[in-house]
Amino acid sequence: MACPLLRQCSKWNANCSSLFETLWYSNGRSVSFSTSSLGRTSWSSGPGNEGQPSALRRRTGPNTFNFTTSLTRHKLRLLDPSLKSCFCINSAHTDVKVQDPFTIAQEDLTNLYDDIRKELFVTKELKALCHYYFDGKGKAIRPMIVVLMARALNSHSNRSGELLPGQRAVAMITEMIHTASLVHDDVIDGSNRRRGKGTINELWGEKKAILAGDFILSRIWCEVNSCSWAPKRTRTRDSNTTWRKPFKKTASLIANSCKAVCVLVSSDPKVHEIAYQYGKNVGIAFQLVDDVLDFTSKANHLGKPSAADLKLGLATGPVLFACQQFPELHSMIMRRFSSKGDVDQAWQYVFQSDGVEQTKNLAQHYCQEAIRQISMLRPSAERDALIRLTEMVLTRDK
């Protein structure tokens, strides 16, 4: 079976620029979704009415923005009662204190960045560029999810809970793909701050930054090809997901990474799907919270400029929800906030509406689905840590 990350890498490399386009809106095309039933989320992209979700579509004219009124009314303020026991880890184990996910994964993540830096052995100057973001000061949430998923799957498959070498390699690859995307992302956005310090393109220039990102990607290919992927697996396709831009930014990398570590220990397509769906839903929730933080966190706390998406002409979740209450936002969205005063006015509309709260509720919905999926695995400390991780995703402040 081909490695899911290999396909992910190909998509990322071939569509680098589109990877960083907005989660919700790009080039006058609406990107929408349907949450008509839990776990049956579909995404579509297209101009005007064609881009709206088929299940909740409201007839509108060409290029008319409409963000499903029914979804706006659907306030997800409380957890689904059927999932409350899952959020407590397990109704029979509510008195058991669950370890912090980072604590459980810490041993497997020890020296992760050192090993990555060893993979990027090059000339002195290029080495400095490539090593710049691998200083161990990032959140490392992606490799942590991969490690916890791998160990949970190992326990589910009656194997030792210890991480396989190939699974740890997937954690490394995941962090390398993400970091390469950050390097190129900063070039595309013209950003000068990342993780509280100057960006590579700000310090070394755009050309060298692009070269550094490309080199990291090339090393990823070498690392992926060195992994032993189990043969004779049945290739499955996620029938509930259309691969669109929303997934390419955050969710697709996490989803395919979770599936990749599953392929190494299990040939069961159902287990593959559990791993994939957990990663997909956590990834979408993570991105939605990121969109919220762009409005609610100060730049010095977030480590990067706030309101960055608006300044780039991108309308994210809070803006699209606000548009339901303030139709005046529609024209701003269509012209990508290019007129004088658009960014400031849009900012005010967002905070006069419940756009931020609605986006938080939607993120909670995706975390609920992630919990439902991962709860299908056999109980283990790692599985419970993945459940707790959804709460951390929802409550993070940077």
Protein backbone atom coordinates (compact mmCIF):
# COMPACT_ATOMS: atom_id res chain seq x y z
CA MET A 1 0.00 0.00 0.00
CA ALA A 2 1.28 3.44 -0.86
CA CYS A 3 2.08 5.60 2.14
CA PRO A 4 -0.72 8.12 2.79
CA LEU A 5 1.94 10.71 3.59
CA LEU A 6 3.61 10.13 0.23
CA ARG A 7 0.38 11.08 -1.51
CA GLN A 8 -0.01 13.97 0.92
CA CYS A 9 3.50 15.17 0.10
CA SER A 10 2.75 15.02 -3.62
CA LYS A 11 -0.42 17.05 -3.22
CA TRP A 12 1.36 19.59 -1.05
CA ASN A 13 4.30 19.97 -3.39
CA ALA A 14 2.10 20.28 -6.48
CA ASN A 15 -0.33 22.72 -4.91
CA CYS A 16 1.93 24.75 -2.63
CA SER A 17 0.23 28.06 -3.24
CA SER A 18 -3.30 26.74 -2.81
CA LEU A 19 -2.31 25.09 0.45
CA PHE A 20 -2.14 28.47 2.13
CA GLU A 21 -5.33 29.92 0.74
CA THR A 22 -8.10 30.59 3.19
CA LEU A 23 -9.94 27.81 4.95
CA TRP A 24 -13.23 29.31 3.90
CA TYR A 25 -12.92 31.62 0.92
CA SER A 26 -10.56 32.15 -1.97
CA ASN A 27 -10.53 34.15 -5.21
CA GLY A 28 -14.24 34.88 -5.20
CA ARG A 29 -15.15 31.24 -4.70
CA SER A 30 -17.13 30.11 -1.68
CA VAL A 31 -16.00 27.08 0.27
CA SER A 32 -18.79 25.59 2.33
CA PHE A 33 -19.66 22.57 4.35
CA SER A 34 -22.60 20.55 5.56
CA THR A 35 -23.06 19.35 9.10
CA SER A 36 -26.48 17.84 8.52
CA SER A 37 -25.47 14.73 10.44
CA LEU A 38 -22.63 14.10 12.84
CA GLY A 39 -19.78 12.40 11.07
CA ARG A 40 -21.17 13.11 7.60
CA THR A 41 -19.39 16.33 6.85
CA SER A 42 -18.84 17.25 3.23
CA TRP A 43 -17.06 20.19 1.70
CA SER A 44 -17.48 21.76 -1.67
CA SER A 45 -15.96 24.63 -3.58
CA GLY A 46 -17.31 26.68 -6.41
CA PRO A 47 -18.63 30.06 -7.48
CA GLY A 48 -21.91 31.30 -6.07
CA ASN A 49 -24.65 28.77 -5.51
CA GLU A 50 -22.54 25.84 -6.76
CA GLY A 51 -20.23 26.22 -3.79
CA GLN A 52 -22.92 25.77 -1.19
CA PRO A 53 -23.52 22.46 0.60
CA SER A 54 -26.03 20.31 -1.22
CA ALA A 55 -27.76 19.24 2.00
CA LEU A 56 -28.36 22.79 3.24
CA ARG A 57 -28.27 24.79 -0.01
CA ARG A 58 -30.41 27.89 -0.28
CA ARG A 59 -31.11 29.15 -3.80
CA THR A 60 -29.20 32.30 -4.54
CA GLY A 61 -27.95 34.10 -7.59
CA PRO A 62 -24.44 33.86 -9.09
CA ASN A 63 -21.63 35.10 -6.85
CA THR A 64 -24.07 35.69 -3.98
CA PHE A 65 -22.51 34.78 -0.68
CA ASN A 66 -24.67 32.71 1.65
CA PHE A 67 -23.37 30.86 4.68
CA THR A 68 -26.28 28.53 5.44
CA THR A 69 -28.70 30.22 7.77
CA SER A 70 -29.63 26.85 9.19
CA LEU A 71 -26.06 26.37 10.38
CA THR A 72 -26.08 29.80 11.99
CA ARG A 73 -29.18 28.83 13.93
CA HIS A 74 -27.61 25.56 14.95
CA LYS A 75 -25.95 26.57 18.24
CA LEU A 76 -23.66 23.82 19.44
CA ARG A 77 -23.32 25.26 22.94
CA LEU A 78 -23.59 21.97 24.77
CA LEU A 79 -21.98 18.65 24.12
CA ASP A 80 -24.14 16.00 22.52
CA PRO A 81 -25.53 14.01 25.48
CA SER A 82 -24.51 10.76 23.81
CA LEU A 83 -20.89 11.90 23.89
CA LYS A 84 -20.67 13.25 27.45
CA SER A 85 -19.33 9.97 28.76
CA CYS A 86 -16.69 10.01 26.02
CA PHE A 87 -15.58 13.49 27.02
CA CYS A 88 -15.13 12.18 30.54
CA ILE A 89 -12.84 9.54 29.01
CA ASN A 90 -15.07 6.69 30.08
CA SER A 91 -18.08 6.58 32.39
CA ALA A 92 -16.48 3.70 34.27
CA HIS A 93 -13.20 5.55 34.69
CA THR A 94 -14.27 9.08 35.55
CA ASP A 95 -12.44 8.83 38.87
CA VAL A 96 -9.15 8.07 37.13
CA LYS A 97 -6.91 11.04 36.45
CA VAL A 98 -5.80 11.10 32.83
CA GLN A 99 -2.19 12.01 32.17
CA ASP A 100 -1.33 15.08 30.20
CA PRO A 101 -0.98 14.10 26.50
CA PHE A 102 2.40 15.81 26.25
CA THR A 103 3.66 13.86 29.25
CA ILE A 104 2.69 10.52 27.70
CA ALA A 105 4.29 11.39 24.35
CA GLN A 106 7.35 13.11 25.81
CA GLU A 107 9.64 10.09 25.81
CA ASP A 108 8.92 9.27 22.16
CA LEU A 109 9.34 12.91 21.17
CA THR A 110 12.67 13.26 22.98
CA ASN A 111 15.40 14.25 20.53
CA LEU A 112 12.81 14.47 17.72
CA TYR A 113 14.15 17.84 16.60
CA ASP A 114 17.73 16.63 16.94
CA ASP A 115 16.94 13.75 14.59
CA ILE A 116 15.24 16.09 12.14
CA ARG A 117 18.26 18.39 12.13
CA LYS A 118 20.48 15.39 11.34
CA GLU A 119 18.33 14.77 8.25
CA LEU A 120 19.04 18.33 7.11
CA PHE A 121 22.82 18.05 6.90
CA VAL A 122 23.84 20.56 4.21
CA THR A 123 26.10 23.52 3.59
CA LYS A 124 26.58 25.89 6.50
CA GLU A 125 24.26 28.68 5.34
CA LEU A 126 21.44 26.42 4.13
CA LYS A 127 21.79 24.41 7.31
CA ALA A 128 21.16 27.54 9.39
CA LEU A 129 18.00 28.29 7.41
CA CYS A 130 16.65 24.74 7.56
CA HIS A 131 17.35 24.37 11.27
CA TYR A 132 15.83 27.73 12.19
CA TYR A 133 12.32 26.52 13.04
CA PHE A 134 13.45 23.12 14.36
CA ASP A 135 14.59 24.61 17.66
CA GLY A 136 12.12 22.65 19.79
CA LYS A 137 10.14 25.77 20.68
CA GLY A 138 7.08 24.99 18.56
CA LYS A 139 3.88 23.42 19.91
CA ALA A 140 4.78 20.05 18.33
CA ILE A 141 1.10 19.15 18.45
CA ARG A 142 1.18 17.29 15.13
CA PRO A 143 3.95 14.81 16.00
CA MET A 144 2.38 14.43 19.45
CA ILE A 145 -0.96 13.42 17.90
CA VAL A 146 0.86 10.96 15.62
CA VAL A 147 2.76 9.40 18.54
CA LEU A 148 -0.35 9.04 20.70
CA MET A 149 -2.35 7.63 17.80
CA ALA A 150 0.41 5.12 17.00
CA ARG A 151 0.58 3.87 20.57
CA ALA A 152 -3.21 3.70 20.89
CA LEU A 153 -3.39 1.69 17.65
CA ASN A 154 -0.63 -0.63 18.82
CA SER A 155 -2.61 -1.35 21.98
CA HIS A 156 -5.79 -1.81 19.94
CA SER A 157 -3.98 -4.37 17.74
CA ASN A 158 -2.74 -6.34 20.77
CA ARG A 159 0.83 -5.28 20.11
CA SER A 160 3.28 -3.73 22.48
CA GLY A 161 2.43 -0.12 23.16
CA GLU A 162 5.97 0.83 22.18
CA LEU A 163 6.43 2.97 19.11
CA LEU A 164 7.73 1.28 15.97
CA PRO A 165 10.69 2.97 14.21
CA GLY A 166 8.51 3.60 11.17
CA GLN A 167 5.85 5.25 13.30
CA ARG A 168 8.37 7.61 14.83
CA ALA A 169 9.58 8.40 11.33
CA VAL A 170 6.01 9.41 10.44
CA ALA A 171 6.02 11.82 13.41
CA MET A 172 9.25 13.35 12.08
CA ILE A 173 7.88 13.58 8.54
CA THR A 174 4.69 15.23 9.76
CA GLU A 175 6.60 17.96 11.59
CA MET A 176 8.90 18.48 8.60
CA ILE A 177 5.96 18.88 6.19
CA HIS A 178 4.31 21.35 8.55
CA THR A 179 7.50 23.36 9.02
CA ALA A 180 8.22 23.47 5.28
CA SER A 181 4.70 24.82 4.81
CA LEU A 182 5.40 27.56 7.37
CA VAL A 183 8.56 28.63 5.54
CA HIS A 184 6.71 28.93 2.22
CA ASP A 185 3.62 30.38 3.91
CA ASP A 186 5.63 33.28 5.32
CA VAL A 187 6.99 34.04 1.85
CA ILE A 188 3.52 34.02 0.29
CA ASP A 189 2.04 36.17 3.07
CA GLY A 190 5.05 38.45 3.40
CA SER A 191 5.09 37.76 7.15
CA ASN A 192 7.94 39.03 9.29
CA ARG A 193 7.10 37.28 12.59
CA ARG A 194 6.68 33.60 13.42
CA ARG A 195 6.77 32.01 16.89
CA GLY A 196 7.76 35.30 18.40
CA LYS A 197 10.83 35.84 16.22
CA GLY A 198 11.74 37.03 12.75
CA THR A 199 10.79 34.80 9.81
CA ILE A 200 13.32 33.16 7.50
CA ASN A 201 12.29 35.37 4.58
CA GLU A 202 12.71 38.46 6.77
CA LEU A 203 16.21 37.46 7.93
CA TRP A 204 17.62 35.75 4.81
CA GLY A 205 15.39 36.94 1.98
CA GLU A 206 12.60 35.32 -0.04
CA LYS A 207 14.76 33.34 -2.47
CA LYS A 208 16.72 31.60 0.27
CA ALA A 209 13.54 30.97 2.25
CA ILE A 210 11.95 29.23 -0.75
CA LEU A 211 15.12 27.18 -1.22
CA ALA A 212 15.07 26.15 2.46
CA GLY A 213 11.43 25.05 2.26
CA ASP A 214 12.08 23.10 -0.93
CA PHE A 215 15.09 21.38 0.60
CA ILE A 216 13.10 20.29 3.65
CA LEU A 217 10.49 18.84 1.28
CA SER A 218 13.16 16.95 -0.65
CA ARG A 219 14.44 15.38 2.57
CA ILE A 220 10.87 14.37 3.42
CA TRP A 221 10.72 12.32 0.21
CA CYS A 222 13.89 10.51 1.21
CA GLU A 223 12.55 9.78 4.68
CA VAL A 224 9.17 8.57 3.37
CA ASN A 225 10.83 6.23 0.88
CA SER A 226 12.98 4.75 3.63
CA CYS A 227 9.92 3.59 5.59
CA SER A 228 8.69 0.03 5.13
CA TRP A 229 5.02 0.19 4.26
CA ALA A 230 3.14 -3.05 4.75
CA PRO A 231 2.03 -4.68 1.46
CA LYS A 232 -1.33 -6.11 0.41
CA ARG A 233 -3.47 -3.49 2.10
CA THR A 234 -6.88 -2.64 0.76
CA ARG A 235 -6.91 0.91 -0.43
CA THR A 236 -9.96 2.73 0.86
CA ARG A 237 -11.42 6.07 -0.01
CA ASP A 238 -13.09 8.44 2.39
CA SER A 239 -16.57 8.66 0.91
CA ASN A 240 -17.63 11.42 3.30
CA THR A 241 -14.90 13.89 2.40
CA THR A 242 -14.18 15.73 -0.79
CA TRP A 243 -10.53 16.82 -0.80
CA ARG A 244 -10.77 20.54 -0.93
CA LYS A 245 -8.71 23.49 0.21
CA PRO A 246 -10.07 23.49 3.80
CA PHE A 247 -8.45 20.13 4.44
CA LYS A 248 -5.16 20.94 2.75
CA LYS A 249 -4.26 23.71 5.17
CA THR A 250 -4.30 21.73 8.42
CA ALA A 251 -6.62 18.73 8.59
CA SER A 252 -5.32 16.64 5.69
CA LEU A 253 -1.77 16.48 7.06
CA ILE A 254 -2.91 15.35 10.50
CA ALA A 255 -5.47 12.91 9.07
CA ASN A 256 -3.02 11.24 6.69
CA SER A 257 -0.32 11.11 9.36
CA CYS A 258 -2.67 9.31 11.74
CA LYS A 259 -3.63 6.90 8.98
CA ALA A 260 0.01 6.31 8.06
CA VAL A 261 0.95 5.05 11.53
CA CYS A 262 -2.15 2.83 11.42
CA VAL A 263 -1.10 1.22 8.13
CA LEU A 264 2.10 0.05 9.79
CA VAL A 265 0.29 -2.08 12.38
CA SER A 266 -3.16 -2.93 11.02
CA SER A 267 -4.66 -4.11 7.74
CA ASP A 268 -8.22 -3.38 8.88
CA PRO A 269 -9.75 -0.59 6.74
CA LYS A 270 -12.17 0.24 9.57
CA VAL A 271 -9.29 0.99 11.92
CA HIS A 272 -7.59 3.02 9.16
CA GLU A 273 -10.78 5.07 8.91
CA ILE A 274 -10.98 5.66 12.67
CA ALA A 275 -7.43 7.02 12.69
CA TYR A 276 -8.07 9.14 9.61
CA GLN A 277 -11.37 10.58 10.86
CA TYR A 278 -9.92 11.47 14.24
CA GLY A 279 -7.05 13.35 12.60
CA LYS A 280 -9.38 15.05 10.15
CA ASN A 281 -11.81 16.31 12.77
CA VAL A 282 -9.14 17.42 15.24
CA GLY A 283 -7.33 19.17 12.39
CA ILE A 284 -10.42 21.11 11.31
CA ALA A 285 -11.16 22.07 14.92
CA PHE A 286 -7.55 23.20 15.36
CA GLN A 287 -7.82 25.44 12.30
CA LEU A 288 -11.16 26.89 13.44
CA VAL A 289 -9.66 27.79 16.82
CA ASP A 290 -6.71 29.32 14.96
CA ASP A 291 -9.19 31.51 13.07
CA VAL A 292 -10.73 32.59 16.38
CA LEU A 293 -7.33 33.42 17.88
CA ASP A 294 -6.61 35.66 14.90
CA PHE A 295 -9.32 37.91 16.32
CA THR A 296 -9.02 37.36 20.06
CA SER A 297 -5.28 37.10 20.79
CA LYS A 298 -2.81 39.94 20.88
CA ALA A 299 0.08 39.71 18.44
CA ASN A 300 2.76 39.50 21.14
CA HIS A 301 0.96 36.56 22.78
CA LEU A 302 0.13 34.75 19.55
CA GLY A 303 3.70 35.09 18.26
CA LYS A 304 2.54 36.35 14.87
CA PRO A 305 0.54 39.37 13.62
CA SER A 306 -3.16 39.40 14.53
CA ALA A 307 -5.89 40.00 11.92
CA ALA A 308 -3.42 38.51 9.44
CA ASP A 309 -6.10 36.78 7.37
CA LEU A 310 -8.20 39.92 6.96
CA LYS A 311 -5.15 41.87 5.85
CA LEU A 312 -4.49 39.17 3.26
CA GLY A 313 -8.05 39.46 1.97
CA LEU A 314 -9.18 36.16 3.46
CA ALA A 315 -12.53 35.61 5.15
CA THR A 316 -12.39 32.93 7.83
CA GLY A 317 -15.11 31.44 10.05
CA PRO A 318 -15.78 34.44 12.34
CA VAL A 319 -16.19 36.74 9.34
CA LEU A 320 -18.52 34.38 7.49
CA PHE A 321 -20.74 33.89 10.52
CA ALA A 322 -20.75 37.67 11.08
CA CYS A 323 -21.87 38.12 7.47
CA GLN A 324 -25.18 36.49 8.35
CA GLN A 325 -25.91 39.33 10.77
CA PHE A 326 -24.23 42.08 8.78
CA PRO A 327 -24.82 41.58 5.02
CA GLU A 328 -22.63 44.63 4.41
CA LEU A 329 -19.68 42.30 4.88
CA HIS A 330 -20.55 40.48 1.66
CA SER A 331 -19.23 43.20 -0.63
CA MET A 332 -16.04 43.44 1.44
CA ILE A 333 -15.51 39.69 1.16
CA MET A 334 -16.03 39.77 -2.60
CA ARG A 335 -13.39 42.48 -3.04
CA ARG A 336 -11.11 40.74 -0.52
CA PHE A 337 -11.09 43.69 1.91
CA SER A 338 -9.09 45.72 -0.60
CA SER A 339 -10.79 49.11 -0.13
CA LYS A 340 -9.61 51.59 2.45
CA GLY A 341 -11.15 50.91 5.84
CA ASP A 342 -12.43 47.43 4.93
CA VAL A 343 -10.22 45.58 7.41
CA ASP A 344 -11.14 47.83 10.34
CA GLN A 345 -14.83 47.77 9.48
CA ALA A 346 -14.88 43.98 9.09
CA TRP A 347 -13.10 43.65 12.43
CA GLN A 348 -15.83 45.72 14.11
CA TYR A 349 -18.62 43.69 12.48
CA VAL A 350 -17.09 40.46 13.75
CA PHE A 351 -17.09 41.68 17.34
CA GLN A 352 -20.59 43.13 17.06
CA SER A 353 -21.81 39.69 15.95
CA ASP A 354 -21.56 36.23 17.46
CA GLY A 355 -19.16 35.12 14.72
CA VAL A 356 -16.37 34.23 17.14
CA GLU A 357 -18.74 32.27 19.39
CA GLN A 358 -20.26 30.43 16.42
CA THR A 359 -16.83 29.43 15.17
CA LYS A 360 -15.96 28.10 18.63
CA ASN A 361 -19.19 26.09 18.62
CA LEU A 362 -18.34 24.63 15.23
CA ALA A 363 -14.87 23.66 16.47
CA GLN A 364 -16.55 21.93 19.41
CA HIS A 365 -18.71 19.98 16.98
CA TYR A 366 -15.65 18.63 15.19
CA CYS A 367 -14.02 17.73 18.50
CA GLN A 368 -17.14 15.79 19.46
CA GLU A 369 -16.84 13.77 16.27
CA ALA A 370 -13.14 13.18 16.91
CA ILE A 371 -14.02 11.83 20.36
CA ARG A 372 -16.70 9.58 18.89
CA GLN A 373 -14.22 8.13 16.42
CA ILE A 374 -11.30 7.52 18.78
CA SER A 375 -13.61 6.00 21.41
CA MET A 376 -14.06 3.04 19.05
CA LEU A 377 -10.50 1.91 19.89
CA ARG A 378 -9.79 -0.27 22.88
CA PRO A 379 -9.17 1.67 26.11
CA SER A 380 -5.57 2.73 26.70
CA ALA A 381 -3.75 5.65 28.26
CA GLU A 382 -2.89 6.95 24.80
CA ARG A 383 -6.48 6.72 23.57
CA ASP A 384 -7.67 8.63 26.64
CA ALA A 385 -4.94 11.22 26.07
CA LEU A 386 -6.20 11.74 22.50
CA ILE A 387 -9.68 12.35 23.92
CA ARG A 388 -8.30 14.88 26.37
CA LEU A 389 -6.34 16.50 23.57
CA THR A 390 -9.60 17.65 21.95
CA GLU A 391 -10.30 19.73 25.05
CA MET A 392 -6.82 21.23 24.82
CA VAL A 393 -7.43 22.13 21.18
CA LEU A 394 -10.62 23.98 22.12
CA THR A 395 -9.11 25.87 25.06
CA ARG A 396 -5.68 26.81 23.68
CA ASP A 397 -4.86 30.50 23.60
CA LYS A 398 -1.93 30.53 21.16
